[in-house]
N, C-alpha and C. Protein backbone atom coordinates (compact mmCIF):
# COMPACT_ATOMS: atom_id res chain seq x y z
N MET A 1 -7.93 5.02 -9.45
CA MET A 1 -7.56 4.95 -8.21
C MET A 1 -7.80 5.66 -7.19
N ARG A 2 -8.64 4.58 -6.13
CA ARG A 2 -10.00 5.77 -5.53
C ARG A 2 -9.31 5.34 -3.69
N LEU A 3 -8.46 6.04 -3.15
CA LEU A 3 -8.50 6.31 -2.00
C LEU A 3 -9.41 5.98 -0.64
N LEU A 4 -9.39 5.32 -0.04
CA LEU A 4 -10.67 5.28 0.55
C LEU A 4 -10.33 5.41 2.17
N PHE A 5 -8.84 5.04 2.17
CA PHE A 5 -8.69 5.00 3.60
C PHE A 5 -7.49 5.44 3.69
N GLU A 6 -7.06 5.90 4.75
CA GLU A 6 -5.60 6.45 5.26
C GLU A 6 -5.31 6.05 6.90
N VAL A 7 -4.12 5.62 7.26
CA VAL A 7 -4.08 5.23 9.12
C VAL A 7 -2.79 5.95 8.90
N GLN A 8 -2.02 6.63 9.99
CA GLN A 8 -0.48 6.70 10.31
C GLN A 8 0.15 6.83 11.15
N GLY A 9 1.18 6.19 11.84
CA GLY A 9 1.18 6.02 12.92
C GLY A 9 3.05 6.43 13.01
N VAL A 10 3.57 6.69 14.51
CA VAL A 10 4.46 7.40 14.56
C VAL A 10 5.64 5.83 15.00
N VAL A 11 6.81 5.57 13.95
CA VAL A 11 7.75 4.61 15.08
C VAL A 11 9.08 5.23 15.35
N HIS A 12 8.71 5.19 16.84
CA HIS A 12 10.16 5.65 17.70
C HIS A 12 11.25 5.02 17.49
N ALA A 13 11.97 4.83 16.17
CA ALA A 13 13.25 4.37 16.06
C ALA A 13 13.46 5.97 14.83
N PRO A 14 14.74 5.42 14.79
CA PRO A 14 15.36 5.90 13.57
C PRO A 14 15.32 5.43 11.99
N LEU A 15 14.81 6.74 10.81
CA LEU A 15 13.35 5.65 9.63
C LEU A 15 15.02 5.38 9.00
N GLU A 16 15.90 5.54 8.82
CA GLU A 16 17.23 4.04 8.23
C GLU A 16 16.44 2.24 8.42
N GLU A 17 16.87 2.65 10.16
CA GLU A 17 16.64 0.90 10.87
C GLU A 17 14.56 1.13 10.42
N VAL A 18 13.98 1.77 10.45
CA VAL A 18 12.76 1.00 10.01
C VAL A 18 12.69 0.48 9.29
N ARG A 19 12.82 1.01 8.06
CA ARG A 19 13.13 1.14 6.82
C ARG A 19 13.80 -0.12 6.81
N ALA A 20 15.01 -0.47 7.05
CA ALA A 20 15.53 -2.08 7.10
C ALA A 20 14.42 -2.86 7.45
N ARG A 21 14.24 -2.51 8.56
CA ARG A 21 13.50 -4.08 9.02
C ARG A 21 11.64 -4.41 8.32
N MET A 22 11.56 -3.08 7.87
CA MET A 22 10.02 -3.37 6.80
C MET A 22 10.23 -4.10 5.94
N PHE A 23 11.53 -3.79 5.06
CA PHE A 23 11.99 -4.42 4.14
C PHE A 23 12.87 -5.94 4.24
N ALA A 24 13.42 -6.04 5.85
CA ALA A 24 14.07 -7.12 5.28
C ALA A 24 12.89 -8.72 4.93
N ASP A 25 11.94 -9.11 5.50
CA ASP A 25 11.58 -9.85 4.55
C ASP A 25 10.28 -9.35 3.49
N ALA A 26 10.55 -8.47 2.30
CA ALA A 26 9.62 -7.90 1.57
C ALA A 26 9.55 -8.43 0.45
N GLY A 27 10.82 -9.54 -0.14
CA GLY A 27 10.94 -10.63 -0.94
C GLY A 27 10.65 -8.59 -2.18
N VAL A 28 10.48 -9.78 -3.48
CA VAL A 28 10.61 -8.51 -4.61
C VAL A 28 9.83 -8.35 -4.86
N SER A 29 9.43 -6.89 -5.96
CA SER A 29 8.26 -6.91 -6.86
C SER A 29 7.69 -8.03 -7.92
N GLY A 30 6.28 -8.39 -8.12
CA GLY A 30 5.44 -9.35 -9.48
C GLY A 30 4.83 -8.64 -9.94
N SER A 31 3.22 -9.52 -10.03
CA SER A 31 2.35 -8.98 -10.62
C SER A 31 2.12 -8.52 -9.92
N HIS A 32 1.44 -8.49 -8.50
CA HIS A 32 0.46 -8.00 -7.72
C HIS A 32 1.18 -7.71 -6.82
N ARG A 33 3.06 -7.09 -6.79
CA ARG A 33 3.51 -6.91 -5.62
C ARG A 33 4.51 -5.60 -6.44
N LEU A 34 4.49 -4.32 -5.02
CA LEU A 34 5.48 -3.51 -5.43
C LEU A 34 6.14 -3.53 -4.23
N VAL A 35 7.83 -4.25 -4.65
CA VAL A 35 8.61 -3.46 -3.29
C VAL A 35 9.61 -2.51 -4.14
N ASP A 36 9.49 -1.48 -3.61
CA ASP A 36 10.63 0.04 -3.65
C ASP A 36 11.24 0.28 -2.68
N ARG A 37 12.38 0.15 -2.51
CA ARG A 37 12.96 0.17 -1.02
C ARG A 37 13.56 1.86 -1.13
N ALA A 38 13.85 2.36 -2.37
CA ALA A 38 14.87 3.53 -2.49
C ALA A 38 13.07 4.61 -2.42
N ALA A 39 12.11 4.15 -2.24
CA ALA A 39 11.04 4.79 -1.99
C ALA A 39 10.59 5.62 -1.12
N GLY A 40 10.76 3.55 -0.11
CA GLY A 40 10.54 3.52 1.32
C GLY A 40 8.38 3.03 1.23
N VAL A 41 8.33 2.61 -0.07
CA VAL A 41 6.55 1.67 -0.07
C VAL A 41 7.17 0.12 -0.26
N ILE A 42 5.82 -0.38 -0.27
CA ILE A 42 4.97 -1.84 -0.20
C ILE A 42 3.72 -1.85 -0.77
N ALA A 43 3.71 -2.13 -2.45
CA ALA A 43 1.96 -2.58 -2.14
C ALA A 43 1.73 -3.69 -2.60
N HIS A 44 0.83 -4.29 -1.86
CA HIS A 44 -0.47 -5.33 -3.22
C HIS A 44 -1.34 -5.04 -3.63
N TRP A 45 -2.28 -5.71 -4.63
CA TRP A 45 -2.96 -5.77 -4.92
C TRP A 45 -3.38 -7.23 -5.26
N GLY A 46 -4.71 -6.64 -5.69
CA GLY A 46 -5.92 -7.56 -5.75
C GLY A 46 -6.15 -8.01 -7.79
N ASP A 47 -6.69 -8.81 -8.08
CA ASP A 47 -7.02 -9.00 -9.14
C ASP A 47 -8.54 -7.78 -9.73
N TRP A 48 -9.06 -7.15 -8.55
CA TRP A 48 -10.12 -6.55 -8.63
C TRP A 48 -10.76 -4.88 -7.83
N TRP A 49 -11.17 -5.21 -6.40
CA TRP A 49 -10.46 -3.66 -6.43
C TRP A 49 -9.35 -3.08 -5.31
N TYR A 50 -8.91 -4.47 -4.79
CA TYR A 50 -8.03 -3.80 -3.78
C TYR A 50 -6.84 -3.50 -3.64
N ARG A 51 -6.45 -1.96 -3.25
CA ARG A 51 -4.87 -2.11 -3.44
C ARG A 51 -4.51 -1.54 -1.85
N GLY A 52 -3.02 -1.97 -1.04
CA GLY A 52 -2.48 -1.87 0.24
C GLY A 52 -1.55 -0.95 0.09
N GLU A 53 -1.74 -0.38 0.45
CA GLU A 53 0.44 -0.07 0.27
C GLU A 53 0.48 1.19 1.56
N ASP A 54 1.79 0.49 1.67
CA ASP A 54 3.36 1.02 3.32
C ASP A 54 3.92 2.14 2.66
N SER A 55 3.65 3.44 2.92
CA SER A 55 4.91 3.63 2.95
C SER A 55 5.43 4.10 4.60
N LEU A 56 7.41 4.92 4.49
CA LEU A 56 7.83 5.11 4.86
C LEU A 56 7.99 6.75 5.53
N HIS A 57 8.09 7.51 6.03
CA HIS A 57 8.33 9.40 5.81
C HIS A 57 9.59 9.58 7.00
N PRO A 58 10.28 10.14 6.89
CA PRO A 58 11.38 10.62 7.80
C PRO A 58 9.45 11.82 8.53
N HIS A 59 10.29 11.93 9.93
CA HIS A 59 9.08 12.11 11.15
C HIS A 59 10.44 12.86 12.17
N PRO A 60 9.78 13.38 13.27
CA PRO A 60 10.80 14.42 14.13
C PRO A 60 11.43 13.40 14.57
N GLU A 61 9.84 12.44 15.43
CA GLU A 61 10.35 11.48 16.67
C GLU A 61 10.71 10.68 15.98
N GLY A 62 11.38 9.73 14.75
CA GLY A 62 11.20 9.36 14.22
C GLY A 62 11.14 9.10 12.87
N ALA A 63 9.96 7.96 12.61
CA ALA A 63 9.99 7.43 10.86
C ALA A 63 8.48 7.49 11.29
N LEU A 64 7.93 7.82 10.24
CA LEU A 64 6.24 7.94 9.77
C LEU A 64 5.70 6.76 9.08
N LEU A 65 4.62 6.36 10.12
CA LEU A 65 4.36 5.18 8.53
C LEU A 65 2.89 5.06 8.46
N VAL A 66 2.28 5.04 6.69
CA VAL A 66 1.70 5.11 5.99
C VAL A 66 0.89 3.84 5.40
N HIS A 67 -0.18 3.84 5.89
CA HIS A 67 -0.22 2.84 5.57
C HIS A 67 -2.33 3.10 4.99
N ARG A 68 -2.30 2.88 3.45
CA ARG A 68 -3.15 3.29 2.46
C ARG A 68 -4.05 2.48 1.68
N VAL A 69 -5.34 1.87 1.72
CA VAL A 69 -6.06 1.98 0.84
C VAL A 69 -7.10 2.02 -0.35
N TYR A 70 -6.71 1.30 -1.37
CA TYR A 70 -7.06 2.45 -2.34
C TYR A 70 -8.33 0.85 -3.17
N ASN A 71 -9.23 1.95 -3.81
CA ASN A 71 -10.44 0.97 -4.36
C ASN A 71 -9.67 1.46 -6.51
N ILE A 72 -8.89 0.10 -6.47
CA ILE A 72 -8.94 0.08 -7.53
C ILE A 72 -9.88 -0.59 -8.73
N ALA A 73 -11.34 -0.50 -9.10
CA ALA A 73 -11.91 -1.83 -9.27
C ALA A 73 -11.72 -0.94 -11.01
N ARG A 74 -12.40 -1.66 -12.14
CA ARG A 74 -12.59 -0.77 -13.47
C ARG A 74 -14.23 -0.60 -13.59
N GLN A 75 -14.71 -1.32 -13.37
CA GLN A 75 -15.69 -1.34 -13.87
C GLN A 75 -16.64 -1.70 -12.43
N GLY A 76 -18.14 -1.52 -12.13
CA GLY A 76 -18.40 -1.72 -10.83
C GLY A 76 -17.51 -1.16 -9.25
N ASN A 77 -16.71 -0.30 -9.39
CA ASN A 77 -16.16 0.66 -8.17
C ASN A 77 -17.66 1.12 -7.20
N TRP A 78 -18.59 -0.10 -7.39
CA TRP A 78 -19.41 0.89 -6.08
C TRP A 78 -19.10 -0.37 -4.89
N ALA A 79 -19.04 -1.88 -5.80
CA ALA A 79 -19.43 -3.27 -5.34
C ALA A 79 -18.23 -3.47 -4.14
N PRO A 80 -16.97 -2.91 -3.47
CA PRO A 80 -16.66 -3.25 -3.26
C PRO A 80 -17.04 -2.85 -1.63
N TYR A 81 -17.99 -1.87 -1.80
CA TYR A 81 -18.93 -0.99 -0.74
C TYR A 81 -19.70 -2.07 -0.20
N LEU A 82 -20.67 -2.96 -1.06
CA LEU A 82 -21.39 -4.07 -0.83
C LEU A 82 -20.75 -5.58 -0.03
N ALA A 83 -19.49 -5.92 -1.38
CA ALA A 83 -19.25 -6.49 -0.77
C ALA A 83 -18.36 -6.38 0.40
N ASN A 84 -18.13 -5.48 1.17
CA ASN A 84 -17.29 -5.53 2.21
C ASN A 84 -18.30 -4.75 3.84
N LYS A 85 -19.52 -4.69 3.38
CA LYS A 85 -21.05 -4.56 4.00
C LYS A 85 -20.43 -3.06 4.43
N LEU A 86 -20.40 -2.34 3.11
CA LEU A 86 -20.25 -0.38 3.64
C LEU A 86 -19.09 -0.58 4.71
N PHE A 87 -17.94 -1.27 4.68
CA PHE A 87 -17.15 -0.85 5.70
C PHE A 87 -16.42 -0.35 7.09
N LEU A 88 -17.87 -0.69 7.72
CA LEU A 88 -18.13 -0.49 8.50
C LEU A 88 -17.87 -1.59 9.89
N GLY A 89 -16.51 -0.64 10.84
CA GLY A 89 -15.61 -0.92 10.97
C GLY A 89 -14.52 -1.00 10.93
N TYR A 90 -14.22 -0.97 9.59
CA TYR A 90 -12.76 -1.60 8.85
C TYR A 90 -11.58 -0.66 9.36
N ARG A 91 -11.55 0.70 9.32
CA ARG A 91 -10.87 1.92 9.78
C ARG A 91 -9.88 1.40 10.73
N ALA A 92 -11.26 1.38 11.61
CA ALA A 92 -10.98 1.00 13.50
C ALA A 92 -10.20 -0.06 13.15
N ARG A 93 -10.23 -1.34 12.53
CA ARG A 93 -9.22 -2.77 12.31
C ARG A 93 -8.29 -2.28 11.73
N LEU A 94 -7.66 -1.39 11.44
CA LEU A 94 -6.33 -0.26 10.30
C LEU A 94 -6.14 0.09 11.51
N GLN A 95 -6.85 0.95 12.29
CA GLN A 95 -5.63 1.52 13.29
C GLN A 95 -5.17 0.64 14.04
N ALA A 96 -5.94 -0.47 14.54
CA ALA A 96 -5.25 -0.91 15.21
C ALA A 96 -4.27 -2.44 14.50
N SER A 97 -4.46 -2.45 13.60
CA SER A 97 -3.68 -3.81 12.87
C SER A 97 -2.18 -3.02 12.86
N LEU A 98 -2.19 -1.22 12.30
CA LEU A 98 -1.35 -0.40 12.23
C LEU A 98 -0.18 -0.18 14.06
N ARG A 99 -1.13 -0.30 14.82
CA ARG A 99 -0.50 0.52 16.31
C ARG A 99 0.21 -1.00 16.40
N GLU A 100 -0.39 -2.61 16.14
CA GLU A 100 0.02 -4.06 16.50
C GLU A 100 1.50 -3.38 15.53
N ARG A 101 1.90 -3.40 14.18
CA ARG A 101 2.71 -2.78 13.29
C ARG A 101 3.78 -2.02 14.13
N ILE A 102 3.52 -1.27 14.48
CA ILE A 102 4.26 0.22 15.19
C ILE A 102 5.24 -0.69 15.77
N ALA A 103 4.13 -1.23 16.76
CA ALA A 103 4.81 -1.83 18.42
C ALA A 103 6.12 -3.07 17.58
N LEU A 104 5.43 -4.16 16.54
CA LEU A 104 6.29 -4.78 16.78
C LEU A 104 7.88 -4.28 16.19
N LEU A 105 7.39 -2.73 15.11
CA LEU A 105 9.04 -2.70 14.82
C LEU A 105 10.06 -2.40 15.58
N GLU A 106 9.97 -1.14 16.82
CA GLU A 106 9.64 -0.87 17.71
C GLU A 106 10.10 -2.07 18.31
N ALA A 107 9.72 -2.93 19.22
CA ALA A 107 10.83 -3.84 19.80
C ALA A 107 11.53 -4.92 19.11
N GLN A 108 11.93 -4.48 17.77
CA GLN A 108 12.88 -5.07 17.18
C GLN A 108 14.74 -3.95 16.98
N SER A 109 14.37 -3.32 17.70
CA SER A 109 15.86 -2.31 18.02
C SER A 109 16.55 -2.91 18.77
């Protein structure tokens, strides 16, 4: 498993409130999904290369939300770069998406 991208941001609300909001509709673990409420982690993955993972951590201003994207390809681990056009602009899209998620989590207070 190779870490490709990591983006993070602070949710300005108490950690336990953010955890409750994040896991409110998370469902349960399954064949392509991990939901670990105790550890504050939600992950999902496909059959080929992708694993996305969200985790919550304590932060002096509230809760730190970290999103990581991993390449989990067992063979041809170079192919996701070609399939995703060398990931051009991917980090910016991840950061924008994270900002939107943080705004939603903060608005629920």
